[in-house]
C-alpha atoms as a PDB file:
ATOM      1  CA  MET A   1     -33.921 -84.587 -44.520  1.00  0.00           C
ATOM      2  CA  SER A   2     -34.679 -80.989 -45.659  1.00  0.00           C
ATOM      3  CA  ARG A   3     -33.057 -79.197 -48.381  1.00  0.00           C
ATOM      4  CA  PRO A   4     -31.832 -75.949 -47.626  1.00  0.00           C
ATOM      5  CA  SER A   5     -33.153 -72.839 -49.229  1.00  0.00           C
ATOM      6  CA  ARG A   6     -31.812 -70.638 -51.708  1.00  0.00           C
ATOM      7  CA  ARG A   7     -31.377 -67.771 -49.350  1.00  0.00           C
ATOM      8  CA  LEU A   8     -29.620 -70.266 -46.999  1.00  0.00           C
ATOM      9  CA  VAL A   9     -27.084 -71.383 -49.582  1.00  0.00           C
ATOM     10  CA  LEU A  10     -26.681 -67.585 -50.634  1.00  0.00           C
ATOM     11  CA  HIS A  11     -26.219 -66.236 -47.245  1.00  0.00           C
ATOM     12  CA  ARG A  12     -23.678 -68.898 -46.846  1.00  0.00           C
ATOM     13  CA  GLY A  13     -21.658 -68.561 -49.837  1.00  0.00           C
ATOM     14  CA  ALA A  14     -21.582 -64.812 -49.284  1.00  0.00           C
ATOM     15  CA  ALA A  15     -20.095 -65.383 -45.922  1.00  0.00           C
ATOM     16  CA  GLY A  16     -17.585 -67.707 -47.208  1.00  0.00           C
ATOM     17  CA  LEU A  17     -16.662 -65.708 -49.873  1.00  0.00           C
ATOM     18  CA  ALA A  18     -16.326 -62.803 -47.570  1.00  0.00           C
ATOM     19  CA  GLY A  19     -14.006 -64.492 -45.124  1.00  0.00           C
ATOM     20  CA  ALA A  20     -11.656 -65.695 -47.808  1.00  0.00           C
ATOM     21  CA  VAL A  21     -11.596 -62.045 -49.270  1.00  0.00           C
ATOM     22  CA  LEU A  22     -10.550 -60.923 -45.727  1.00  0.00           C
ATOM     23  CA  ALA A  23      -8.289 -63.978 -44.476  1.00  0.00           C
ATOM     24  CA  GLY A  24      -6.523 -63.576 -48.339  1.00  0.00           C
ATOM     25  CA  PRO A  25      -4.409 -60.441 -47.318  1.00  0.00           C
ATOM     26  CA  ALA A  26      -3.675 -61.602 -43.807  1.00  0.00           C
ATOM     27  CA  ALA A  27      -2.418 -65.155 -45.381  1.00  0.00           C
ATOM     28  CA  VAL A  28      -0.396 -63.313 -47.920  1.00  0.00           C
ATOM     29  CA  ALA A  29       1.210 -61.001 -45.526  1.00  0.00           C
ATOM     30  CA  ALA A  30       1.978 -63.769 -43.062  1.00  0.00           C
ATOM     31  CA  ALA A  31       3.106 -66.310 -45.496  1.00  0.00           C
ATOM     32  CA  PRO A  32       6.446 -64.001 -46.876  1.00  0.00           C
ATOM     33  CA  ALA A  33       7.341 -63.350 -42.935  1.00  0.00           C
ATOM     34  CA  ALA A  34       7.616 -67.172 -42.418  1.00  0.00           C
ATOM     35  CA  HIS A  35      10.497 -67.534 -45.109  1.00  0.00           C
ATOM     36  CA  ALA A  36      11.878 -64.319 -45.808  1.00  0.00           C
ATOM     37  CA  ARG A  37      12.661 -61.410 -43.701  1.00  0.00           C
ATOM     38  CA  PRO A  38      12.132 -58.262 -45.443  1.00  0.00           C
ATOM     39  CA  ALA A  39      14.881 -55.769 -45.645  1.00  0.00           C
ATOM     40  CA  ALA A  40      14.974 -52.829 -43.440  1.00  0.00           C
ATOM     41  CA  ASP A  41      14.847 -49.184 -44.234  1.00  0.00           C
ATOM     42  CA  LYS A  42      15.754 -46.032 -42.419  1.00  0.00           C
ATOM     43  CA  ASP A  43      12.525 -44.945 -41.537  1.00  0.00           C
ATOM     44  CA  HIS A  44      10.989 -48.072 -40.495  1.00  0.00           C
ATOM     45  CA  PRO A  45      13.646 -50.691 -39.353  1.00  0.00           C
ATOM     46  CA  ARG A  46      12.957 -54.547 -38.270  1.00  0.00           C
ATOM     47  CA  ALA A  47      13.446 -54.785 -34.797  1.00  0.00           C
ATOM     48  CA  ASP A  48      13.199 -58.519 -33.802  1.00  0.00           C
ATOM     49  CA  GLY A  49      16.512 -59.191 -32.049  1.00  0.00           C
ATOM     50  CA  PRO A  50      18.852 -57.678 -29.432  1.00  0.00           C
ATOM     51  CA  ALA A  51      21.160 -55.365 -30.963  1.00  0.00           C
ATOM     52  CA  GLY A  52      23.231 -54.200 -27.958  1.00  0.00           C
ATOM     53  CA  HIS A  53      20.347 -53.073 -26.060  1.00  0.00           C
ATOM     54  CA  GLU A  54      21.783 -49.486 -25.658  1.00  0.00           C
ATOM     55  CA  MET A  55      19.739 -46.697 -24.088  1.00  0.00           C
ATOM     56  CA  PRO A  56      18.242 -44.625 -27.326  1.00  0.00           C
ATOM     57  CA  GLU A  57      19.582 -41.303 -27.739  1.00  0.00           C
ATOM     58  CA  PRO A  58      17.419 -38.350 -27.147  1.00  0.00           C
ATOM     59  CA  PHE A  59      15.999 -36.673 -30.218  1.00  0.00           C
ATOM     60  CA  ASP A  60      14.057 -33.003 -30.930  1.00  0.00           C
ATOM     61  CA  GLU A  61      13.386 -32.933 -34.654  1.00  0.00           C
ATOM     62  CA  MET A  62      10.569 -31.610 -37.295  1.00  0.00           C
ATOM     63  CA  TYR A  63       9.214 -34.794 -38.985  1.00  0.00           C
ATOM     64  CA  GLU A  64       6.512 -34.258 -41.541  1.00  0.00           C
ATOM     65  CA  GLY A  65       5.423 -30.799 -40.065  1.00  0.00           C
ATOM     66  CA  ARG A  66       5.148 -32.339 -36.509  1.00  0.00           C
ATOM     67  CA  HIS A  67       7.669 -31.548 -33.742  1.00  0.00           C
ATOM     68  CA  ILE A  68       8.558 -34.867 -32.272  1.00  0.00           C
ATOM     69  CA  GLU A  69      11.049 -35.254 -29.292  1.00  0.00           C
ATOM     70  CA  GLY A  70      12.112 -38.057 -26.951  1.00  0.00           C
ATOM     71  CA  TRP A  71      14.209 -38.325 -23.886  1.00  0.00           C
ATOM     72  CA  PRO A  72      15.159 -41.177 -21.217  1.00  0.00           C
ATOM     73  CA  GLU A  73      12.965 -40.640 -18.074  1.00  0.00           C
ATOM     74  CA  GLU A  74      14.652 -42.348 -14.940  1.00  0.00           C
ATOM     75  CA  GLY A  75      12.191 -44.320 -12.539  1.00  0.00           C
ATOM     76  CA  GLY A  76      10.266 -45.771 -15.958  1.00  0.00           C
ATOM     77  CA  HIS A  77       6.924 -46.915 -15.739  1.00  0.00           C
ATOM     78  CA  GLY A  78       5.587 -43.318 -15.579  1.00  0.00           C
ATOM     79  CA  GLY A  79       3.081 -44.321 -18.256  1.00  0.00           C
ATOM     80  CA  HIS A  80       5.985 -43.929 -21.185  1.00  0.00           C
ATOM     81  CA  GLY A  81       7.344 -47.216 -21.348  1.00  0.00           C
ATOM     82  CA  GLY A  82      10.083 -49.529 -19.685  1.00  0.00           C
ATOM     83  CA  HIS A  83       7.892 -52.319 -18.331  1.00  0.00           C
ATOM     84  CA  ASP A  84       9.903 -55.655 -19.325  1.00  0.00           C
ATOM     85  CA  GLY A  85      12.499 -54.448 -21.726  1.00  0.00           C
ATOM     86  CA  PRO A  86      16.191 -54.372 -21.513  1.00  0.00           C
ATOM     87  CA  HIS A  87      15.988 -51.114 -19.842  1.00  0.00           C
ATOM     88  CA  GLU A  88      13.557 -52.145 -17.007  1.00  0.00           C
ATOM     89  CA  GLY A  89      13.350 -49.399 -14.159  1.00  0.00           C
ATOM     90  CA  MET A  90      14.113 -46.877 -17.147  1.00  0.00           C
ATOM     91  CA  GLY A  91      10.963 -45.355 -19.533  1.00  0.00           C
ATOM     92  CA  PHE A  92      11.373 -43.227 -22.309  1.00  0.00           C
ATOM     93  CA  VAL A  93       9.227 -39.986 -23.039  1.00  0.00           C
ATOM     94  CA  VAL A  94       7.874 -39.372 -26.471  1.00  0.00           C
ATOM     95  CA  ARG A  95       6.024 -36.459 -27.421  1.00  0.00           C
ATOM     96  CA  ILE A  96       4.418 -35.389 -30.949  1.00  0.00           C
ATOM     97  CA  ASP A  97       3.428 -31.870 -30.562  1.00  0.00           C
ATOM     98  CA  ASN A  98       3.852 -31.658 -27.127  1.00  0.00           C
ATOM     99  CA  ASP A  99       1.581 -34.571 -26.330  1.00  0.00           C
ATOM    100  CA  ASP A 100       2.767 -37.757 -24.834  1.00  0.00           C
ATOM    101  CA  LEU A 101       3.018 -40.479 -27.183  1.00  0.00           C
ATOM    102  CA  HIS A 102       2.917 -43.613 -24.893  1.00  0.00           C
ATOM    103  CA  VAL A 103       5.389 -45.773 -25.903  1.00  0.00           C
ATOM    104  CA  MET A 104       6.942 -49.228 -24.336  1.00  0.00           C
ATOM    105  CA  GLU A 105       9.981 -51.233 -25.118  1.00  0.00           C
ATOM    106  CA  ASN A 106       9.828 -54.800 -25.406  1.00  0.00           C
ATOM    107  CA  ALA A 107      11.584 -57.846 -23.984  1.00  0.00           C
ATOM    108  CA  ASN A 108      14.127 -57.778 -27.197  1.00  0.00           C
ATOM    109  CA  GLY A 109      14.866 -54.275 -27.132  1.00  0.00           C
ATOM    110  CA  SER A 110      11.916 -53.274 -29.810  1.00  0.00           C
ATOM    111  CA  TRP A 111       9.828 -50.568 -29.594  1.00  0.00           C
ATOM    112  CA  VAL A 112       6.247 -50.119 -29.835  1.00  0.00           C
ATOM    113  CA  SER A 113       3.461 -47.401 -29.249  1.00  0.00           C
ATOM    114  CA  VAL A 114      -0.111 -47.191 -28.765  1.00  0.00           C
ATOM    115  CA  VAL A 115      -0.341 -45.742 -32.154  1.00  0.00           C
ATOM    116  CA  ASN A 116       1.542 -48.767 -33.793  1.00  0.00           C
ATOM    117  CA  HIS A 117       1.082 -51.546 -31.164  1.00  0.00           C
ATOM    118  CA  TYR A 118       1.453 -54.169 -33.729  1.00  0.00           C
ATOM    119  CA  GLU A 119       4.611 -53.012 -35.421  1.00  0.00           C
ATOM    120  CA  THR A 120       8.033 -52.959 -33.688  1.00  0.00           C
ATOM    121  CA  PHE A 121      10.870 -50.367 -34.388  1.00  0.00           C
ATOM    122  CA  THR A 122      14.397 -50.205 -33.233  1.00  0.00           C
ATOM    123  CA  SER A 123      14.032 -47.053 -31.455  1.00  0.00           C
ATOM    124  CA  PRO A 124      11.587 -44.472 -30.071  1.00  0.00           C
ATOM    125  CA  ARG A 125      12.625 -41.881 -32.712  1.00  0.00           C
ATOM    126  CA  GLY A 126      11.273 -44.541 -35.727  1.00  0.00           C
ATOM    127  CA  VAL A 127       8.073 -45.170 -33.282  1.00  0.00           C
ATOM    128  CA  ALA A 128       7.557 -41.402 -33.378  1.00  0.00           C
ATOM    129  CA  ARG A 129       8.151 -41.184 -36.829  1.00  0.00           C
ATOM    130  CA  ALA A 130       5.754 -44.034 -37.499  1.00  0.00           C
ATOM    131  CA  ALA A 131       2.942 -42.477 -35.347  1.00  0.00           C
ATOM    132  CA  VAL A 132       3.158 -39.107 -37.249  1.00  0.00           C
ATOM    133  CA  ARG A 133       2.683 -40.866 -40.540  1.00  0.00           C
ATOM    134  CA  GLU A 134      -0.111 -43.151 -38.949  1.00  0.00           C
ATOM    135  CA  LEU A 135      -2.055 -39.974 -37.370  1.00  0.00           C
ATOM    136  CA  ASN A 136      -1.831 -38.241 -40.926  1.00  0.00           C
ATOM    137  CA  GLY A 137      -2.179 -34.694 -39.224  1.00  0.00           C
ATOM    138  CA  ALA A 138      -4.485 -36.013 -36.558  1.00  0.00           C
ATOM    139  CA  ASP A 139      -3.861 -34.698 -32.721  1.00  0.00           C
ATOM    140  CA  LEU A 140      -3.186 -37.511 -29.885  1.00  0.00           C
ATOM    141  CA  VAL A 141      -5.698 -38.284 -27.987  1.00  0.00           C
ATOM    142  CA  PRO A 142      -4.300 -39.042 -24.235  1.00  0.00           C
ATOM    143  CA  VAL A 143      -3.931 -42.488 -22.733  1.00  0.00           C
ATOM    144  CA  VAL A 144      -6.118 -42.575 -19.907  1.00  0.00           C
ATOM    145  CA  THR A 145      -4.753 -44.874 -17.169  1.00  0.00           C
ATOM    146  CA  GLY A 146      -6.913 -45.465 -13.992  1.00  0.00           C
END
């Protein structure tokens, strides 16, 4: 059996190290979630359980220099949300500087957007605020459906 070359050993070692470095933060971030629930704050509340499932209140405000607004939309599924959430058939329109932010209510009553798809929020207002922070001054790009 032939021995691996120094180049092959270094390449595999570097690939393994890179994998460990990239997986490390994910493993560390996932580990606390399995045992402890971080406390919610007012701008990024946790939303992992039903909280009465009332339709969120409309909002219209300036947040970090951006105009955010949102309101319920009858008929739902108009590209703004509703899918299988507790308010099926109802959507919620969210706009940042008059551009639509696609939001969706999850089955457990939490909300997500195309900007923060892997974070859940208790309200469309929280989703809009998080999107403003994530955009960091950039404009929303329209979601093309078709």
